[in-house]
């Protein structure tokens, strides 16, 4: 160990990784071996390793604690060096790099590898290690996002090719001309978690439109969080109309040139806003999404979901889930060109919008994980009445995909198809509400 730097990187991993060339150990690094559970998952099941880890953390300044799961296959010859040089957030989730799928989304497995930094409280986590790294990451992420500061999470894709930064985009100026639209209905703690995560972003858009679809705006307004951007609070009138009227009204009446979407129970990770803005311009896109880091509260794990780099090409080949809508950045002009969201239903119209957008926009996805989605009970996509796979959702998607093909083949005018904009018949407006109202 080098005497001039007593701080340690501690790597906890499996024998499979340790025996490979990719874990040639640099100075100031200790590697601890866990056992393999059915040859698929790394564990620290036996007391010897846990006891030794306890002693190491107590006796030394451990600035990084890295958990490397055997279930995550890292194709690199310098894993330890990449871990040592990583200078990310208090919690960095580590994912093996894979090229994006060409068509449609791809489930790239459960994640069990991550780095804890000093600021995340290495000592407190070192003594609560469970059997499975996959389960441990789920517990660590859940504790982090539900704590007082849910930001400070980043994703490192090991082995990802370096890309040249675009220096021609005035990102800061564009973000000053940007708006985030967040519809909300449901538990306030999820909304506050979402808003608090904006503090973890170094650069954020100029303003947020928060649109309540229930009466939870009353208790929310008693303690509005302090944000580094302007928060405009509205209530839907009438209430209980779903997310689409509020999104459409917010964009239609906005003066901002750029619009980010965001669900109120999810989290945007650091770098999302600036990086998507840069790629929107450098790739000459009208709309851009990103990959999804899914917190699966049913299976209690963290999953990696990748989307096609070229979403328009994927749609052309009739793969219809080519972009996850809440991750999207779109120009206001592009949104209006498509006609916007249909507004006469409470669910499903982000899919209709995506299919319609193919005929008007150029869309893609950033090859990065900038968005945490929580797959949780009683959301619109998991509730029995509206869940993915429900009869009405399947029927709507069936109609939309049939008409998509007919429009592609010039056999149907989009204005006379099921992909046309369907507006609600009843009046709707957003009413601005002040604190304590």
Protein backbone atom coordinates (compact mmCIF):
# COMPACT_ATOMS: atom_id res chain seq x y z
CA UNK A 1 0.00 0.00 0.00
CA UNK A 2 1.37 3.45 -0.92
CA UNK A 3 2.31 5.45 2.15
CA UNK A 4 1.44 8.83 0.63
CA UNK A 5 -2.25 7.91 0.24
CA UNK A 6 -3.69 5.80 3.07
CA UNK A 7 -7.22 5.90 1.64
CA UNK A 8 -8.58 2.63 0.31
CA UNK A 9 -10.81 1.39 -2.48
CA UNK A 10 -12.45 -1.80 -1.26
CA UNK A 11 -13.89 -4.09 -3.94
CA UNK A 12 -16.29 -6.86 -2.99
CA UNK A 13 -16.70 -9.31 -5.80
CA UNK A 14 -16.96 -12.96 -6.88
CA UNK A 15 -14.19 -15.42 -7.63
CA UNK A 16 -15.21 -15.32 -11.28
CA UNK A 17 -14.29 -11.64 -11.55
CA UNK A 18 -11.24 -11.89 -9.28
CA UNK A 19 -9.66 -14.68 -11.31
CA UNK A 20 -10.13 -12.80 -14.56
CA UNK A 21 -7.57 -10.33 -15.92
CA UNK A 22 -9.97 -7.44 -15.44
CA UNK A 23 -9.30 -7.28 -11.71
CA UNK A 24 -5.55 -6.86 -11.66
CA UNK A 25 -5.37 -5.02 -8.36
CA UNK A 26 -3.87 -1.48 -8.33
CA UNK A 27 -2.26 0.08 -5.29
CA UNK A 28 -4.38 1.05 -2.30
CA UNK A 29 -7.03 -1.52 -3.21
CA UNK A 30 -8.32 -4.49 -1.24
CA UNK A 31 -10.33 -7.20 -2.96
CA UNK A 32 -12.67 -9.31 -0.83
CA UNK A 33 -14.21 -12.48 -2.23
CA UNK A 34 -17.84 -13.36 -1.75
CA UNK A 35 -19.38 -16.71 -2.52
CA UNK A 36 -21.52 -17.54 -5.53
CA UNK A 37 -25.15 -18.45 -5.04
CA UNK A 38 -26.10 -21.07 -7.65
CA UNK A 39 -23.34 -19.62 -9.86
CA UNK A 40 -25.45 -16.59 -10.76
CA UNK A 41 -25.15 -14.11 -7.94
CA UNK A 42 -22.45 -12.80 -5.64
CA UNK A 43 -23.00 -12.96 -1.90
CA UNK A 44 -21.17 -12.16 1.31
CA UNK A 45 -22.92 -14.98 3.06
CA UNK A 46 -20.25 -16.21 5.38
CA UNK A 47 -19.10 -14.31 8.48
CA UNK A 48 -15.38 -14.27 7.71
CA UNK A 49 -15.58 -11.73 4.89
CA UNK A 50 -18.10 -9.57 6.69
CA UNK A 51 -16.00 -9.55 9.85
CA UNK A 52 -12.87 -8.60 7.90
CA UNK A 53 -14.73 -5.85 6.05
CA UNK A 54 -15.85 -4.49 9.40
CA UNK A 55 -12.21 -4.30 10.54
CA UNK A 56 -11.00 -2.68 7.30
CA UNK A 57 -13.64 0.04 7.31
CA UNK A 58 -13.02 0.74 11.00
CA UNK A 59 -9.22 0.90 10.68
CA UNK A 60 -8.84 2.76 7.36
CA UNK A 61 -10.26 5.67 5.42
CA UNK A 62 -12.33 3.81 2.82
CA UNK A 63 -13.26 6.38 0.18
CA UNK A 64 -15.00 3.90 -2.12
CA UNK A 65 -16.77 0.64 -1.48
CA UNK A 66 -17.43 -1.19 -4.75
CA UNK A 67 -19.80 -4.17 -5.06
CA UNK A 68 -19.27 -6.18 -8.25
CA UNK A 69 -21.93 -8.79 -8.94
CA UNK A 70 -21.14 -11.93 -10.91
CA UNK A 71 -24.51 -11.58 -12.64
CA UNK A 72 -23.18 -8.44 -14.37
CA UNK A 73 -20.67 -9.52 -17.02
CA UNK A 74 -18.12 -6.72 -17.46
CA UNK A 75 -16.22 -6.99 -20.74
CA UNK A 76 -13.13 -4.97 -19.86
CA UNK A 77 -9.51 -5.60 -19.04
CA UNK A 78 -9.22 -2.82 -16.46
CA UNK A 79 -12.28 -2.97 -14.24
CA UNK A 80 -10.41 -2.04 -11.07
CA UNK A 81 -8.76 0.95 -12.79
CA UNK A 82 -12.13 2.20 -14.03
CA UNK A 83 -13.55 1.86 -10.54
CA UNK A 84 -10.60 3.71 -9.06
CA UNK A 85 -10.79 6.61 -11.54
CA UNK A 86 -14.58 6.98 -11.28
CA UNK A 87 -15.48 10.30 -9.63
CA UNK A 88 -19.22 10.21 -9.63
CA UNK A 89 -22.07 10.77 -7.22
CA UNK A 90 -22.40 9.48 -3.63
CA UNK A 91 -24.04 6.40 -5.16
CA UNK A 92 -22.88 5.20 -8.58
CA UNK A 93 -24.74 2.27 -10.16
CA UNK A 94 -22.43 0.21 -12.39
CA UNK A 95 -23.79 -1.39 -15.56
CA UNK A 96 -21.89 -3.35 -18.23
CA UNK A 97 -22.05 -1.42 -21.49
CA UNK A 98 -24.10 -2.98 -24.26
CA UNK A 99 -24.90 -1.34 -27.58
CA UNK A 100 -28.52 -0.11 -27.74
CA UNK A 101 -31.05 -2.38 -29.45
CA UNK A 102 -31.86 -1.61 -33.06
CA UNK A 103 -35.59 -2.12 -32.66
CA UNK A 104 -37.80 -1.78 -29.59
CA UNK A 105 -36.82 -1.79 -25.91
CA UNK A 106 -34.56 -4.45 -24.41
CA UNK A 107 -34.49 -5.75 -20.84
CA UNK A 108 -30.79 -6.04 -20.01
CA UNK A 109 -31.16 -7.79 -16.69
CA UNK A 110 -30.96 -7.08 -13.00
CA UNK A 111 -28.20 -4.91 -11.64
CA UNK A 112 -26.18 -5.78 -8.54
CA UNK A 113 -23.00 -3.70 -8.97
CA UNK A 114 -22.46 -0.26 -7.48
CA UNK A 115 -20.06 2.10 -5.74
CA UNK A 116 -20.64 3.87 -2.44
CA UNK A 117 -18.57 6.99 -1.80
CA UNK A 118 -17.57 8.51 1.51
CA UNK A 119 -20.42 11.02 1.28
CA UNK A 120 -22.96 8.18 1.10
CA UNK A 121 -21.88 6.84 4.48
CA UNK A 122 -19.62 3.88 3.67
CA UNK A 123 -19.31 2.89 7.30
CA UNK A 124 -23.04 2.62 7.89
CA UNK A 125 -23.59 0.39 4.83
CA UNK A 126 -20.60 -1.84 5.47
CA UNK A 127 -22.20 -3.51 8.44
CA UNK A 128 -25.62 -4.21 6.90
CA UNK A 129 -24.65 -6.39 3.97
CA UNK A 130 -27.26 -8.93 2.95
CA UNK A 131 -26.81 -12.12 1.01
CA UNK A 132 -27.51 -10.92 -2.53
CA UNK A 133 -25.81 -7.93 -4.18
CA UNK A 134 -28.93 -7.48 -6.35
CA UNK A 135 -31.12 -7.25 -3.27
CA UNK A 136 -28.57 -5.04 -1.51
CA UNK A 137 -28.55 -2.51 -4.38
CA UNK A 138 -32.34 -2.37 -4.29
CA UNK A 139 -32.21 -1.62 -0.55
CA UNK A 140 -29.47 0.98 -0.95
CA UNK A 141 -31.25 2.80 -3.82
CA UNK A 142 -34.58 2.72 -2.00
CA UNK A 143 -33.00 4.18 1.14
CA UNK A 144 -31.23 6.88 -0.91
CA UNK A 145 -34.22 8.06 -2.95
CA UNK A 146 -36.55 8.06 0.05
CA UNK A 147 -34.09 9.95 2.24
CA UNK A 148 -33.86 13.68 2.78
CA UNK A 149 -31.71 14.13 -0.36
CA UNK A 150 -32.86 11.73 -3.09
CA UNK A 151 -30.44 13.16 -5.67
CA UNK A 152 -26.79 12.23 -5.94
CA UNK A 153 -27.19 9.03 -7.99
CA UNK A 154 -25.35 8.42 -11.25
CA UNK A 155 -24.89 5.51 -13.64
CA UNK A 156 -21.52 4.34 -14.98
CA UNK A 157 -21.54 2.07 -18.03
CA UNK A 158 -18.30 0.08 -17.87
CA UNK A 159 -16.73 -0.31 -21.30
CA UNK A 160 -18.77 2.37 -23.03
CA UNK A 161 -16.87 3.93 -25.97
CA UNK A 162 -15.86 7.53 -25.42
CA UNK A 163 -17.91 10.08 -27.33
CA UNK A 164 -16.76 13.52 -28.31
CA UNK A 165 -18.58 16.29 -26.45
CA UNK A 166 -20.51 18.72 -28.63
CA UNK A 167 -19.05 22.19 -28.15
CA UNK A 168 -21.38 23.90 -30.63
CA UNK A 169 -24.53 23.81 -28.48
CA UNK A 170 -25.26 26.68 -26.12
CA UNK A 171 -26.80 24.31 -23.58
CA UNK A 172 -27.09 26.76 -20.73
CA UNK A 173 -28.95 29.29 -22.88
CA UNK A 174 -31.32 26.61 -24.21
CA UNK A 175 -32.07 25.36 -20.70
CA UNK A 176 -33.01 28.91 -19.74
CA UNK A 177 -35.63 28.61 -22.47
CA UNK A 178 -36.93 25.25 -21.21
CA UNK A 179 -39.89 23.97 -19.21
CA UNK A 180 -40.49 20.72 -17.29
CA UNK A 181 -44.12 19.54 -17.21
CA UNK A 182 -45.08 17.33 -14.24
CA UNK A 183 -48.69 16.16 -13.85
CA UNK A 184 -49.48 14.79 -10.39
CA UNK A 185 -52.11 12.68 -8.73
CA UNK A 186 -51.51 10.52 -5.68
CA UNK A 187 -49.11 10.33 -2.71
CA UNK A 188 -47.36 13.61 -1.92
CA UNK A 189 -44.21 11.91 -0.66
CA UNK A 190 -43.54 10.62 -4.19
CA UNK A 191 -43.98 14.10 -5.66
CA UNK A 192 -41.66 15.66 -3.08
CA UNK A 193 -39.08 12.96 -3.80
CA UNK A 194 -39.30 13.85 -7.49
CA UNK A 195 -38.91 17.59 -6.89
CA UNK A 196 -36.09 17.15 -4.37
CA UNK A 197 -34.12 15.19 -6.95
CA UNK A 198 -33.85 18.35 -9.06
CA UNK A 199 -31.46 19.67 -6.43
CA UNK A 200 -29.09 16.84 -7.39
CA UNK A 201 -28.84 18.16 -10.97
CA UNK A 202 -26.06 20.67 -11.53
CA UNK A 203 -27.97 22.26 -14.44
CA UNK A 204 -31.77 22.35 -14.63
CA UNK A 205 -34.40 23.98 -16.89
CA UNK A 206 -35.64 27.44 -16.02
CA UNK A 207 -39.09 26.46 -14.78
CA UNK A 208 -41.41 23.61 -13.81
CA UNK A 209 -45.15 23.42 -14.38
CA UNK A 210 -46.60 21.23 -11.62
CA UNK A 211 -50.21 20.34 -12.41
CA UNK A 212 -52.38 18.72 -9.72
CA UNK A 213 -55.17 16.41 -10.78
CA UNK A 214 -56.48 15.88 -7.23
CA UNK A 215 -56.83 17.84 -4.00
CA UNK A 216 -53.35 17.00 -2.73
CA UNK A 217 -52.31 20.51 -3.80
CA UNK A 218 -53.78 21.80 -0.53
CA UNK A 219 -51.37 20.06 1.87
CA UNK A 220 -48.54 20.48 -0.68
CA UNK A 221 -48.93 24.23 -0.65
CA UNK A 222 -48.33 24.35 3.08
CA UNK A 223 -44.68 23.39 2.52
CA UNK A 224 -43.54 24.17 -1.03
CA UNK A 225 -39.92 23.01 -1.46
CA UNK A 226 -37.17 25.47 -2.34
CA UNK A 227 -35.88 24.74 -5.84
CA UNK A 228 -33.18 26.24 -8.01
CA UNK A 229 -35.75 26.94 -10.74
CA UNK A 230 -39.18 28.59 -10.91
CA UNK A 231 -42.01 26.33 -9.72
CA UNK A 232 -45.43 27.17 -11.19
CA UNK A 233 -48.21 25.31 -9.36
CA UNK A 234 -51.57 24.69 -11.06
CA UNK A 235 -54.68 22.65 -10.43
CA UNK A 236 -56.64 21.01 -13.21
CA UNK A 237 -60.14 22.41 -13.60
CA UNK A 238 -62.01 20.15 -13.41
CA UNK A 239 -59.95 17.66 -11.39
CA UNK A 240 -59.56 13.97 -12.21
CA UNK A 241 -59.05 14.44 -15.95
CA UNK A 242 -55.77 12.50 -16.28
CA UNK A 243 -52.30 13.78 -17.23
CA UNK A 244 -52.86 14.67 -20.87
CA UNK A 245 -55.00 17.83 -20.68
CA UNK A 246 -52.50 19.42 -18.27
CA UNK A 247 -49.53 18.48 -20.44
CA UNK A 248 -51.20 19.77 -23.59
CA UNK A 249 -52.37 23.02 -22.00
CA UNK A 250 -48.95 23.65 -20.42
CA UNK A 251 -47.15 23.28 -23.73
CA UNK A 252 -49.74 25.10 -25.82
CA UNK A 253 -49.61 28.20 -23.61
CA UNK A 254 -45.86 28.11 -22.86
CA UNK A 255 -43.33 30.56 -24.20
CA UNK A 256 -40.40 28.16 -23.69
CA UNK A 257 -38.90 26.60 -26.82
CA UNK A 258 -38.05 23.27 -25.19
CA UNK A 259 -40.14 20.94 -23.02
CA UNK A 260 -39.00 18.08 -20.79
CA UNK A 261 -41.50 15.47 -19.64
CA UNK A 262 -41.35 13.94 -16.19
CA UNK A 263 -43.64 11.69 -14.13
CA UNK A 264 -44.21 12.83 -10.57
CA UNK A 265 -43.27 9.47 -9.01
CA UNK A 266 -39.96 9.17 -10.90
CA UNK A 267 -36.52 10.80 -10.70
CA UNK A 268 -34.28 12.48 -13.28
CA UNK A 269 -30.60 11.76 -12.69
CA UNK A 270 -27.78 14.28 -12.77
CA UNK A 271 -26.84 15.25 -16.31
CA UNK A 272 -30.17 14.43 -17.91
CA UNK A 273 -31.20 17.93 -18.91
CA UNK A 274 -27.87 19.17 -20.26
CA UNK A 275 -26.92 15.97 -22.06
CA UNK A 276 -30.29 15.52 -23.74
CA UNK A 277 -30.23 19.15 -24.84
CA UNK A 278 -26.77 18.70 -26.35
CA UNK A 279 -27.77 15.56 -28.25
CA UNK A 280 -31.06 17.01 -29.45
CA UNK A 281 -29.06 19.66 -31.29
CA UNK A 282 -25.98 17.69 -32.32
CA UNK A 283 -28.09 14.88 -33.79
CA UNK A 284 -30.66 17.30 -35.26
CA UNK A 285 -33.60 15.60 -33.54
CA UNK A 286 -37.06 16.88 -32.71
CA UNK A 287 -37.50 14.60 -29.68
CA UNK A 288 -35.05 12.58 -27.59
CA UNK A 289 -35.47 10.11 -24.73
CA UNK A 290 -32.97 7.93 -22.86
CA UNK A 291 -32.55 4.51 -21.27
CA UNK A 292 -34.52 3.60 -18.16
CA UNK A 293 -33.23 2.46 -14.79
CA UNK A 294 -36.23 0.64 -13.34
CA UNK A 295 -36.78 0.22 -9.61
CA UNK A 296 -39.02 -2.85 -9.58
CA UNK A 297 -40.93 -2.74 -6.30
CA UNK A 298 -42.68 -6.03 -7.09
CA UNK A 299 -39.51 -8.12 -7.54
CA UNK A 300 -37.36 -5.86 -5.30
CA UNK A 301 -34.56 -5.30 -7.77
CA UNK A 302 -33.01 -2.69 -10.07
CA UNK A 303 -33.29 -3.38 -13.82
CA UNK A 304 -31.65 -1.87 -16.90
CA UNK A 305 -33.97 -1.14 -19.86
CA UNK A 306 -32.34 0.12 -23.06
CA UNK A 307 -34.10 1.81 -25.98
CA UNK A 308 -33.06 2.17 -29.65
CA UNK A 309 -30.61 4.92 -30.53
CA UNK A 310 -32.74 5.77 -33.57
CA UNK A 311 -36.35 5.66 -32.38
CA UNK A 312 -37.72 6.77 -35.76
CA UNK A 313 -36.02 3.87 -37.52
CA UNK A 314 -37.42 1.48 -34.91
CA UNK A 315 -40.94 2.84 -35.46
CA UNK A 316 -40.47 2.54 -39.21
CA UNK A 317 -39.87 -1.18 -38.70
CA UNK A 318 -43.08 -1.25 -36.60
CA UNK A 319 -41.54 -1.67 -33.16
CA UNK A 320 -43.94 0.56 -31.32
CA UNK A 321 -42.33 0.96 -27.87
CA UNK A 322 -39.23 2.74 -29.08
CA UNK A 323 -39.11 5.60 -26.56
CA UNK A 324 -40.29 5.86 -22.97
CA UNK A 325 -42.29 9.06 -22.99
CA UNK A 326 -41.52 10.51 -19.50
CA UNK A 327 -37.80 10.51 -20.44
CA UNK A 328 -38.39 12.76 -23.44
CA UNK A 329 -37.25 16.24 -24.38
CA UNK A 330 -39.13 17.81 -27.30
CA UNK A 331 -39.17 21.21 -28.94
CA UNK A 332 -42.44 23.06 -28.47
CA UNK A 333 -42.71 23.68 -32.20
CA UNK A 334 -42.36 19.94 -32.88
CA UNK A 335 -45.02 19.08 -30.31
CA UNK A 336 -47.51 21.50 -31.84
CA UNK A 337 -46.71 20.22 -35.34
CA UNK A 338 -48.00 16.76 -34.37
CA UNK A 339 -51.25 18.18 -32.96
CA UNK A 340 -50.25 17.30 -29.40
CA UNK A 341 -51.77 14.79 -27.03
CA UNK A 342 -55.25 13.44 -27.28
CA UNK A 343 -57.07 14.40 -24.10
CA UNK A 344 -60.32 12.43 -23.85
CA UNK A 345 -58.83 9.46 -21.95
CA UNK A 346 -56.73 9.20 -18.78
CA UNK A 347 -54.17 6.68 -20.01
CA UNK A 348 -52.47 5.29 -23.10
CA UNK A 349 -52.18 8.46 -25.13
CA UNK A 350 -48.40 8.73 -24.82
CA UNK A 351 -48.26 5.60 -27.03
CA UNK A 352 -50.70 7.12 -29.51
CA UNK A 353 -48.63 10.32 -29.57
CA UNK A 354 -45.42 8.36 -30.21
CA UNK A 355 -46.93 6.49 -33.16
CA UNK A 356 -48.37 9.69 -34.63
CA UNK A 357 -45.08 11.53 -34.10
CA UNK A 358 -43.32 9.15 -36.52
CA UNK A 359 -45.05 10.91 -39.41
CA UNK A 360 -43.91 14.37 -38.27
CA UNK A 361 -40.71 14.13 -36.18
CA UNK A 362 -37.21 12.75 -36.06
CA UNK A 363 -36.80 10.94 -32.72
CA UNK A 364 -34.00 9.13 -30.91
CA UNK A 365 -32.66 8.13 -27.50
CA UNK A 366 -29.48 9.08 -25.68
CA UNK A 367 -27.26 6.06 -25.04
CA UNK A 368 -27.28 6.78 -21.31
CA UNK A 369 -29.32 6.12 -18.18
CA UNK A 370 -30.68 9.48 -17.00
CA UNK A 371 -34.05 8.43 -15.60
CA UNK A 372 -35.22 6.29 -12.69
CA UNK A 373 -38.67 4.79 -13.15
CA UNK A 374 -40.45 3.21 -10.21
CA UNK A 375 -42.55 0.21 -11.13
CA UNK A 376 -44.92 0.31 -8.18
CA UNK A 377 -48.39 -0.85 -7.17
CA UNK A 378 -51.45 1.22 -8.20
CA UNK A 379 -49.80 3.30 -10.91
CA UNK A 380 -51.59 3.76 -14.25
CA UNK A 381 -49.45 1.01 -15.79
CA UNK A 382 -49.90 -1.51 -12.93
CA UNK A 383 -53.43 -0.90 -11.61
CA UNK A 384 -55.74 -3.77 -12.74
CA UNK A 385 -58.12 -1.41 -14.56
CA UNK A 386 -55.46 0.43 -16.57
CA UNK A 387 -52.38 -1.77 -16.44
CA UNK A 388 -50.28 -2.75 -19.43
CA UNK A 389 -51.96 -5.85 -20.82
CA UNK A 390 -55.47 -4.80 -19.79
CA UNK A 391 -58.20 -5.37 -22.38
CA UNK A 392 -58.78 -1.70 -23.19
CA UNK A 393 -55.05 -0.92 -23.53
CA UNK A 394 -54.57 -3.91 -25.80
CA UNK A 395 -57.56 -2.93 -27.91
CA UNK A 396 -56.36 0.66 -28.32
CA UNK A 397 -52.85 -0.44 -29.25
CA UNK A 398 -54.27 -2.94 -31.75
CA UNK A 399 -56.28 -0.19 -33.46
CA UNK A 400 -53.38 2.26 -33.49
CA UNK A 401 -50.89 -0.22 -34.94
CA UNK A 402 -53.27 -1.29 -37.70
CA UNK A 403 -53.86 2.32 -38.71
CA UNK A 404 -50.11 3.05 -38.45
CA UNK A 405 -49.46 0.39 -41.10
CA UNK A 406 -52.25 1.69 -43.34
CA UNK A 407 -50.93 5.27 -43.09
CA UNK A 408 -47.40 4.02 -43.88
CA UNK A 409 -48.76 2.32 -47.00
CA UNK A 410 -50.67 5.48 -48.06
CA UNK A 411 -54.01 3.69 -47.67
CA UNK A 412 -55.36 5.94 -44.93
CA UNK A 413 -55.15 9.64 -44.09
CA UNK A 414 -53.86 10.18 -40.56
CA UNK A 415 -56.58 12.78 -39.96
CA UNK A 416 -59.23 10.10 -40.50
CA UNK A 417 -57.49 7.41 -38.45
CA UNK A 418 -57.45 6.32 -34.81
CA UNK A 419 -54.09 8.15 -34.53
CA UNK A 420 -55.78 11.52 -35.03
CA UNK A 421 -55.96 13.86 -32.06
CA UNK A 422 -59.04 13.22 -29.90
CA UNK A 423 -59.87 16.24 -27.74
CA UNK A 424 -62.13 16.12 -24.70
CA UNK A 425 -65.56 17.64 -25.26
CA UNK A 426 -65.79 19.35 -21.86
CA UNK A 427 -63.98 22.60 -21.01
CA UNK A 428 -60.59 22.39 -19.30
CA UNK A 429 -58.18 24.96 -17.92
CA UNK A 430 -55.18 25.18 -15.64
CA UNK A 431 -55.73 27.43 -12.64
CA UNK A 432 -52.60 28.85 -11.02
CA UNK A 433 -52.59 28.46 -7.25
CA UNK A 434 -50.53 30.43 -4.77
CA UNK A 435 -48.96 29.08 -1.55
CA UNK A 436 -51.52 28.47 1.22
CA UNK A 437 -54.40 28.66 -1.25
